[in-house]
Each structure stands twice: as structure tokens, then as C-alpha cells.
Amino acid sequence: METYRLASRNVFEVLGDFTPAVEKASIDEAYLDVSGLGKLIGPPEVIGNEIRTRIRDATGLTASVGIGPNRLIAKLGSEACKPDGLLVVPPSQVLEFLAPMPVSNLRGLGKQTLKRIDRLGIRTVEELRATPIETLRRHLGEKTAESFHRQARGIASDKIITDRRRKSISKERTFEADIRDHDRLHEVLRELAAGVARTGRRENLAGTVVTLKVRFAGFETYTRQHKLAIATDDERIMLATAWSLFNRSNLPNRPVRLIGVGISNWDQRDDVQADLFEAGNRRAQDRKILDTIDTVTEKFGKPMLGIGLSRKK
């Protein structure tokens, strides 16, 4: 994993040579504002190929580059030309570019929302675009409907935020039917905590505040927080803390509609120490395990390994 981080730093150094307007989205993804490079380098195709060449020369790595009028189109363009490709989508071709894509390509589309869209018989972005906004609002809710209505038309932000640092990392799961089974809730919370921890490690973030979110029928929502003595990016600590909050926070004894976990209040990852599971050289051993899990996940694009933790009430 350390080799991966070193390569990432080298890539971002290359990007910074092109423009100071670089927004780091993850360890291997960034948004750049190249609107002022036309006179210096050339048209978008030339800029994109120059970036790819410089990254390959500096690191030996390939890079996929998508160029478009906003963040959404640039992101989808880079995904469409993987691996090691370049795709430029001019404003005049945005609707044509989006039309045949599956709806699942759009940003922020969770499993439950995708199921609702699927029930409407909507499979492609073109079909989503043709669906009246009132229909989407009835089935998805106003905020979600408007978000995907805009995306289907290629409307998105073109702002690059160079100094943005996320305030928190969180993941949540909404159930189709309310869940009372604590074993099932614990398993879902474990998966969510693993996802939060992987994101934190990828972005070199460790936090001291663990947040539990629980929603019941009727959108009755509760959040509970616990401040750790020492910052963590370890899913086991996040899970143990969140599960303790679930069982000891006087929450209503009712079936759960949504459950989520988050981490915030950052400290530097290099200064992280463990307080629940480690003694002596245990920290170094656990770090190797976590980095191995992250490496495998990055390679295969989905969690293939995980760390178990028993459920205690």
C-alpha cells in the first residue's frame, strides 16, 4: 500500500505541473481545470494526451483521462475510456454521450434508489431523461428526483475546489423492509464500518468521533456520537463503538429502517495509535493486515477480504 501512496504522490506532482487547480478526489483520482491551457498546450485532446504521457514517463503507470464541460461528464468520460484511454466530450455531444448509458452510471445512486428506478421500467439515461420530473418525485422524493433529473441532462458543477477537506466520512444503508434482527443489523454495520475505514485510510484520515445514525418508520431519526481517546482508521474500533452506541443509547426498541456509521474530527493517520486491540508490536501487524485488505480491494474494485469482529451486547 505504501508503494501505491508513493505513486499517487508522484502522479499529483505531475498534475500540479500543468495547473494549480487540482482537486484530489481520492488516492488515484483528481479533477483539473484545464480551461486556461488551450493557448499554452493546445486543444483538449492534446492536453489529455500530454497529461497521460507525463504520468507514464514519471511513474510507469497508465492513466485514463476524461474531458468534459463539468465534473460529471469528465468523470463518466474517464470511466468510459478505461484502461489507459482518453475521451473528450464537447458540450454539444453531452446528451448523445449520456443517452445509452445505464442509469447505474450516474453519481450517488444507491441500491434502493436503483431498485425504485428499475420498477419504473427505466434502464438508460435517455429513458430517465424522458420521464416527467413529477413521476420521479413521487417515487424518489424531491431532492433525489431533481438530482438525477439534472444528471440525465448533463447538468453538474464545474467548480474545482483545491483546498477542500471533507468534514466526515459516513456510509448508511436503507432497508426495503424494517429490520429487527440484531445479527443482521450488526453485519450491515460491519460492512459500512469497513467502507468508512477504507475511505479514511485511502485519504490518510483518522478520526476521533464515531457517529451512529438510526432511522425508524416515519423518518424518525436518531444520531449518537462517541469521542475516542485516540484517532482511528480501523473498522473494528468503529464497529465496536457504533454497536455499543446502538445498544446503550436508549434508542426506541423498534424495527430499523436505516442504519449508518461515520467518523470525523480528524487527526493525522501517521499519529494514530490503537486502544482496543493492540499491544507491543500488534499495531504494526494490524497495519499490515489493513493495508493488505486495502490493496486487494483496490485491485479487484470491491471488498474481497475483511476483518471479523464478534458481536457483543
Protein backbone atom coordinates (compact mmCIF):
# COMPACT_ATOMS: atom_id res chain seq x y z
CA MET A 1 0.00 0.00 0.00
CA GLU A 2 2.92 2.35 0.71
CA THR A 3 4.12 1.85 -2.88
CA TYR A 4 0.65 2.83 -4.06
CA ARG A 5 0.71 6.02 -1.98
CA LEU A 6 4.15 6.97 -3.30
CA ALA A 7 2.96 6.52 -6.88
CA SER A 8 -0.09 8.66 -6.05
CA ARG A 9 2.10 11.49 -4.77
CA ASN A 10 4.17 11.36 -7.95
CA VAL A 11 1.05 11.49 -10.12
CA PHE A 12 -0.27 14.52 -8.27
CA GLU A 13 3.08 16.26 -8.66
CA VAL A 14 2.75 15.80 -12.41
CA LEU A 15 -0.79 17.19 -12.38
CA GLY A 16 0.36 20.19 -10.36
CA ASP A 17 2.90 20.98 -13.08
CA PHE A 18 0.02 21.50 -15.52
CA THR A 19 -2.24 23.64 -13.34
CA PRO A 20 -2.60 24.66 -9.68
CA ALA A 21 -6.34 23.99 -10.00
CA VAL A 22 -6.17 20.31 -8.97
CA GLU A 23 -8.80 18.79 -6.70
CA LYS A 24 -7.86 15.45 -5.18
CA ALA A 25 -10.92 13.19 -5.18
CA SER A 26 -9.11 10.06 -3.93
CA ILE A 27 -5.68 8.50 -3.91
CA ASP A 28 -5.95 7.79 -7.66
CA GLU A 29 -8.48 10.31 -8.94
CA ALA A 30 -8.47 14.07 -9.45
CA TYR A 31 -10.35 16.88 -11.16
CA LEU A 32 -8.41 19.55 -13.04
CA ASP A 33 -9.45 22.88 -14.52
CA VAL A 34 -7.67 22.94 -17.88
CA SER A 35 -9.70 25.78 -19.38
CA GLY A 36 -6.67 28.08 -19.42
CA LEU A 37 -4.26 25.64 -21.05
CA GLY A 38 -5.51 25.92 -24.61
CA LYS A 39 -3.06 28.64 -25.66
CA LEU A 40 -0.15 27.03 -23.84
CA ILE A 41 -0.56 23.39 -24.85
CA GLY A 42 -3.32 23.05 -27.42
CA PRO A 43 -6.87 21.68 -27.75
CA PRO A 44 -8.39 19.27 -25.18
CA GLU A 45 -7.15 16.14 -26.98
CA VAL A 46 -3.57 17.41 -26.88
CA ILE A 47 -3.84 18.39 -23.21
CA GLY A 48 -5.23 15.00 -22.25
CA ASN A 49 -2.58 13.06 -24.13
CA GLU A 50 0.17 15.23 -22.69
CA ILE A 51 -1.06 14.50 -19.16
CA ARG A 52 -1.15 10.77 -19.85
CA THR A 53 2.35 10.83 -21.36
CA ARG A 54 3.82 12.78 -18.44
CA ILE A 55 2.28 10.40 -15.89
CA ARG A 56 3.61 7.37 -17.76
CA ASP A 57 7.10 8.88 -18.04
CA ALA A 58 7.19 9.85 -14.35
CA THR A 59 5.69 6.71 -12.81
CA GLY A 60 5.39 3.99 -15.44
CA LEU A 61 1.64 3.98 -14.85
CA THR A 62 -1.18 4.35 -17.32
CA ALA A 63 -3.96 6.89 -16.78
CA SER A 64 -7.45 7.34 -18.17
CA VAL A 65 -8.49 10.92 -18.86
CA GLY A 66 -11.98 12.21 -19.45
CA ILE A 67 -12.52 15.81 -20.52
CA GLY A 68 -15.92 17.48 -20.46
CA PRO A 69 -17.76 20.69 -19.63
CA ASN A 70 -18.32 19.69 -15.99
CA ARG A 71 -17.28 17.21 -13.31
CA LEU A 72 -19.98 14.65 -14.10
CA ILE A 73 -19.11 14.37 -17.78
CA ALA A 74 -15.37 14.33 -17.11
CA LYS A 75 -15.81 11.54 -14.56
CA LEU A 76 -18.05 9.44 -16.81
CA GLY A 77 -15.67 10.06 -19.70
CA SER A 78 -12.69 8.74 -17.75
CA GLU A 79 -14.67 5.66 -16.74
CA ALA A 80 -15.77 5.03 -20.31
CA CYS A 81 -12.22 5.02 -21.69
CA LYS A 82 -10.56 2.79 -19.08
CA PRO A 83 -7.98 1.45 -19.15
CA ASP A 84 -5.37 3.85 -20.50
CA GLY A 85 -7.67 5.92 -22.66
CA LEU A 86 -8.70 9.46 -23.48
CA LEU A 87 -12.22 10.67 -24.17
CA VAL A 88 -13.23 14.25 -24.88
CA VAL A 89 -16.95 15.07 -24.70
CA PRO A 90 -17.73 18.54 -26.11
CA PRO A 91 -20.81 20.36 -24.74
CA SER A 92 -22.69 19.74 -27.99
CA GLN A 93 -22.31 15.96 -27.55
CA VAL A 94 -23.19 15.62 -23.87
CA LEU A 95 -26.77 14.39 -24.35
CA GLU A 96 -25.72 11.91 -27.03
CA PHE A 97 -22.88 10.66 -24.82
CA LEU A 98 -25.20 10.08 -21.83
CA ALA A 99 -28.21 8.65 -23.68
CA PRO A 100 -27.26 4.92 -23.94
CA MET A 101 -25.62 4.68 -20.51
CA PRO A 102 -27.25 2.55 -17.82
CA VAL A 103 -28.78 4.66 -15.06
CA SER A 104 -26.41 2.99 -12.60
CA ASN A 105 -23.54 5.03 -14.08
CA LEU A 106 -24.90 8.22 -12.54
CA ARG A 107 -23.44 9.62 -9.32
CA GLY A 108 -24.92 8.93 -5.89
CA LEU A 109 -27.26 6.17 -6.97
CA GLY A 110 -27.72 3.72 -4.09
CA LYS A 111 -29.10 0.21 -4.31
CA GLN A 112 -32.56 1.11 -3.03
CA THR A 113 -32.93 4.11 -5.35
CA LEU A 114 -31.81 1.99 -8.29
CA LYS A 115 -34.47 -0.59 -7.43
CA ARG A 116 -37.16 2.11 -7.42
CA ILE A 117 -35.97 3.42 -10.78
CA ASP A 118 -35.89 -0.13 -12.13
CA ARG A 119 -39.53 -0.65 -11.08
CA LEU A 120 -40.45 2.34 -13.24
CA GLY A 121 -39.01 0.49 -16.24
CA ILE A 122 -36.16 2.97 -16.59
CA ARG A 123 -32.91 1.38 -17.73
CA THR A 124 -30.94 4.05 -19.57
CA VAL A 125 -30.16 7.70 -19.01
CA GLU A 126 -32.18 8.55 -22.12
CA GLU A 127 -35.24 6.85 -20.58
CA LEU A 128 -34.63 8.68 -17.31
CA ARG A 129 -34.41 11.97 -19.18
CA ALA A 130 -37.76 11.29 -20.84
CA THR A 131 -39.51 10.56 -17.52
CA PRO A 132 -41.53 13.51 -16.17
CA ILE A 133 -39.97 15.08 -13.08
CA GLU A 134 -43.30 14.73 -11.25
CA THR A 135 -43.13 10.95 -11.67
CA LEU A 136 -39.60 10.85 -10.32
CA ARG A 137 -40.58 13.00 -7.33
CA ARG A 138 -43.43 10.66 -6.42
CA HIS A 139 -41.17 7.61 -6.42
CA LEU A 140 -37.79 9.00 -5.36
CA GLY A 141 -38.51 12.07 -3.29
CA GLU A 142 -37.98 15.65 -4.38
CA LYS A 143 -34.25 16.04 -3.68
CA THR A 144 -33.23 12.72 -5.25
CA ALA A 145 -35.52 13.20 -8.24
CA GLU A 146 -34.11 16.63 -9.02
CA SER A 147 -30.53 15.39 -8.70
CA PHE A 148 -30.96 12.61 -11.26
CA HIS A 149 -33.16 14.76 -13.47
CA ARG A 150 -30.23 17.22 -13.75
CA GLN A 151 -27.65 14.50 -14.27
CA ALA A 152 -29.69 12.94 -17.06
CA ARG A 153 -29.38 16.28 -18.86
CA GLY A 154 -25.65 16.53 -18.22
CA ILE A 155 -26.03 19.38 -15.74
CA ALA A 156 -23.43 19.38 -12.95
CA SER A 157 -20.88 21.57 -11.22
CA ASP A 158 -17.71 22.65 -12.99
CA LYS A 159 -16.08 24.05 -9.85
CA ILE A 160 -12.64 22.78 -8.78
CA ILE A 161 -12.02 23.07 -5.04
CA THR A 162 -8.30 22.83 -4.39
CA ASP A 163 -8.37 23.17 -0.60
CA ARG A 164 -11.37 21.03 0.20
CA ARG A 165 -11.03 18.60 3.06
CA ARG A 166 -14.04 16.52 3.88
CA LYS A 167 -15.51 17.07 7.33
CA SER A 168 -16.54 13.48 7.83
CA ILE A 169 -16.78 10.06 6.19
CA SER A 170 -20.02 8.14 6.55
CA LYS A 171 -21.98 5.32 4.97
CA GLU A 172 -25.53 4.17 5.55
CA ARG A 173 -27.95 1.51 4.38
CA THR A 174 -31.73 1.85 3.90
CA PHE A 175 -33.71 -1.40 4.12
CA GLU A 176 -36.71 -2.18 1.92
CA ALA A 177 -38.43 -3.64 4.97
CA ASP A 178 -37.75 -2.64 8.56
CA ILE A 179 -35.18 -4.88 10.29
CA ARG A 180 -35.39 -6.07 13.90
CA ASP A 181 -32.82 -8.89 13.70
CA HIS A 182 -29.75 -7.65 15.57
CA ASP A 183 -27.45 -10.14 13.86
CA ARG A 184 -28.44 -8.70 10.50
CA LEU A 185 -28.06 -5.12 11.74
CA HIS A 186 -24.62 -5.90 13.16
CA GLU A 187 -23.49 -7.46 9.87
CA VAL A 188 -24.65 -4.44 7.88
CA LEU A 189 -22.96 -2.10 10.33
CA ARG A 190 -19.75 -4.13 9.96
CA GLU A 191 -19.85 -3.72 6.17
CA LEU A 192 -20.49 0.02 6.50
CA ALA A 193 -17.69 0.50 9.03
CA ALA A 194 -15.29 -1.35 6.71
CA GLY A 195 -16.21 1.00 3.87
CA VAL A 196 -15.75 4.09 6.05
CA ALA A 197 -12.38 2.85 7.30
CA ARG A 198 -11.11 2.05 3.79
CA THR A 199 -12.01 5.56 2.63
CA GLY A 200 -10.24 7.05 5.64
CA ARG A 201 -7.07 5.06 5.01
CA ARG A 202 -7.16 5.89 1.31
CA GLU A 203 -7.37 9.62 2.09
CA ASN A 204 -4.94 9.43 5.01
CA LEU A 205 -7.63 10.44 7.51
CA ALA A 206 -8.19 9.11 11.01
CA GLY A 207 -10.90 10.43 13.32
CA THR A 208 -11.76 10.54 16.99
CA VAL A 209 -15.57 10.90 16.78
CA VAL A 210 -17.67 7.89 15.78
CA THR A 211 -21.28 8.63 14.82
CA LEU A 212 -24.16 6.16 14.69
CA LYS A 213 -27.27 7.01 12.68
CA VAL A 214 -30.52 5.07 13.08
CA ARG A 215 -33.85 5.74 11.38
CA PHE A 216 -37.20 4.14 12.15
CA ALA A 217 -40.51 4.25 10.29
CA GLY A 218 -41.84 7.71 9.59
CA PHE A 219 -38.32 9.18 9.14
CA GLU A 220 -37.83 9.26 12.92
CA THR A 221 -34.05 9.61 13.02
CA TYR A 222 -31.52 9.48 15.86
CA THR A 223 -27.78 10.16 15.87
CA ARG A 224 -25.42 9.20 18.65
CA GLN A 225 -21.72 10.06 18.96
CA HIS A 226 -18.75 8.90 20.99
CA LYS A 227 -15.36 10.61 21.17
CA LEU A 228 -12.40 8.24 21.20
CA ALA A 229 -9.30 8.98 23.23
CA ILE A 230 -7.11 8.29 20.20
CA ALA A 231 -7.87 8.74 16.47
CA THR A 232 -8.55 5.63 14.42
CA ASP A 233 -8.94 4.42 10.84
CA ASP A 234 -9.66 0.84 11.95
CA GLU A 235 -13.09 -0.62 11.15
CA ARG A 236 -13.02 -2.82 14.22
CA ILE A 237 -12.88 0.16 16.54
CA MET A 238 -15.54 2.00 14.56
CA LEU A 239 -17.83 -1.04 14.61
CA ALA A 240 -17.33 -1.77 18.30
CA THR A 241 -18.05 1.87 19.17
CA ALA A 242 -21.10 2.18 16.91
CA TRP A 243 -22.56 -1.12 18.14
CA SER A 244 -22.09 -0.02 21.74
CA LEU A 245 -23.95 3.21 20.92
CA PHE A 246 -26.73 1.19 19.32
CA ASN A 247 -27.22 -0.95 22.41
CA ARG A 248 -26.59 1.60 25.15
CA SER A 249 -28.15 4.85 23.94
CA ASN A 250 -31.79 4.25 24.91
CA LEU A 251 -32.94 4.08 21.31
CA PRO A 252 -36.54 3.01 20.66
CA ASN A 253 -36.97 -0.76 20.67
CA ARG A 254 -38.45 -0.87 17.18
CA PRO A 255 -37.51 -2.30 13.79
CA VAL A 256 -34.88 -0.25 11.97
CA ARG A 257 -35.40 1.36 8.56
CA LEU A 258 -31.87 2.78 8.11
CA ILE A 259 -28.56 2.37 9.89
CA GLY A 260 -25.28 4.19 9.30
CA VAL A 261 -21.86 4.89 10.76
CA GLY A 262 -19.41 7.74 10.33
CA ILE A 263 -16.07 9.06 11.53
CA SER A 264 -14.95 12.69 11.93
CA ASN A 265 -12.72 15.08 13.90
CA TRP A 266 -9.51 14.26 12.06
CA ASP A 267 -6.01 13.57 13.26
CA GLN A 268 -3.06 12.63 11.09
CA ARG A 269 -3.09 8.94 10.20
CA ASP A 270 0.64 8.65 10.93
CA ASP A 271 -0.05 9.60 14.56
CA VAL A 272 -2.83 7.04 15.02
CA GLN A 273 -2.48 4.60 17.87
CA ALA A 274 -4.80 1.76 18.71
CA ASP A 275 -6.55 1.46 22.04
CA LEU A 276 -8.76 -1.61 21.84
CA PHE A 277 -6.82 -4.38 20.15
CA GLU A 278 -3.12 -3.68 20.15
CA ALA A 279 -0.15 -4.21 22.43
CA GLY A 280 3.57 -4.11 21.70
CA ASN A 281 4.11 -4.77 18.00
CA ARG A 282 0.42 -5.58 17.43
CA ARG A 283 -0.13 -2.18 15.81
CA ALA A 284 2.44 -2.87 13.10
CA GLN A 285 0.94 -6.29 12.44
CA ASP A 286 -2.57 -4.91 12.21
CA ARG A 287 -1.44 -2.11 9.90
CA LYS A 288 -0.02 -4.70 7.51
CA ILE A 289 -3.32 -6.59 7.59
CA LEU A 290 -5.36 -3.45 6.92
CA ASP A 291 -3.05 -2.35 4.12
CA THR A 292 -3.28 -5.80 2.55
CA ILE A 293 -7.07 -5.63 2.63
CA ASP A 294 -6.98 -2.17 1.05
CA THR A 295 -4.57 -3.32 -1.66
CA VAL A 296 -6.78 -6.29 -2.59
CA THR A 297 -9.89 -4.09 -2.59
CA GLU A 298 -8.22 -1.52 -4.85
CA LYS A 299 -7.12 -4.27 -7.25
CA PHE A 300 -10.49 -6.00 -7.60
CA GLY A 301 -12.72 -2.94 -7.17
CA LYS A 302 -14.79 -4.45 -4.36
CA PRO A 303 -14.19 -5.82 -0.86
CA MET A 304 -12.66 -9.29 -1.13
CA LEU A 305 -11.25 -9.53 2.39
CA GLY A 306 -12.41 -8.35 5.79
CA ILE A 307 -11.62 -8.49 9.48
CA GLY A 308 -14.08 -10.29 11.71
CA LEU A 309 -15.38 -8.92 14.99
CA SER A 310 -17.71 -10.75 17.32
CA ARG A 311 -20.97 -9.12 18.32
CA LYS A 312 -21.25 -8.22 21.98
CA LYS A 313 -24.29 -6.67 23.58
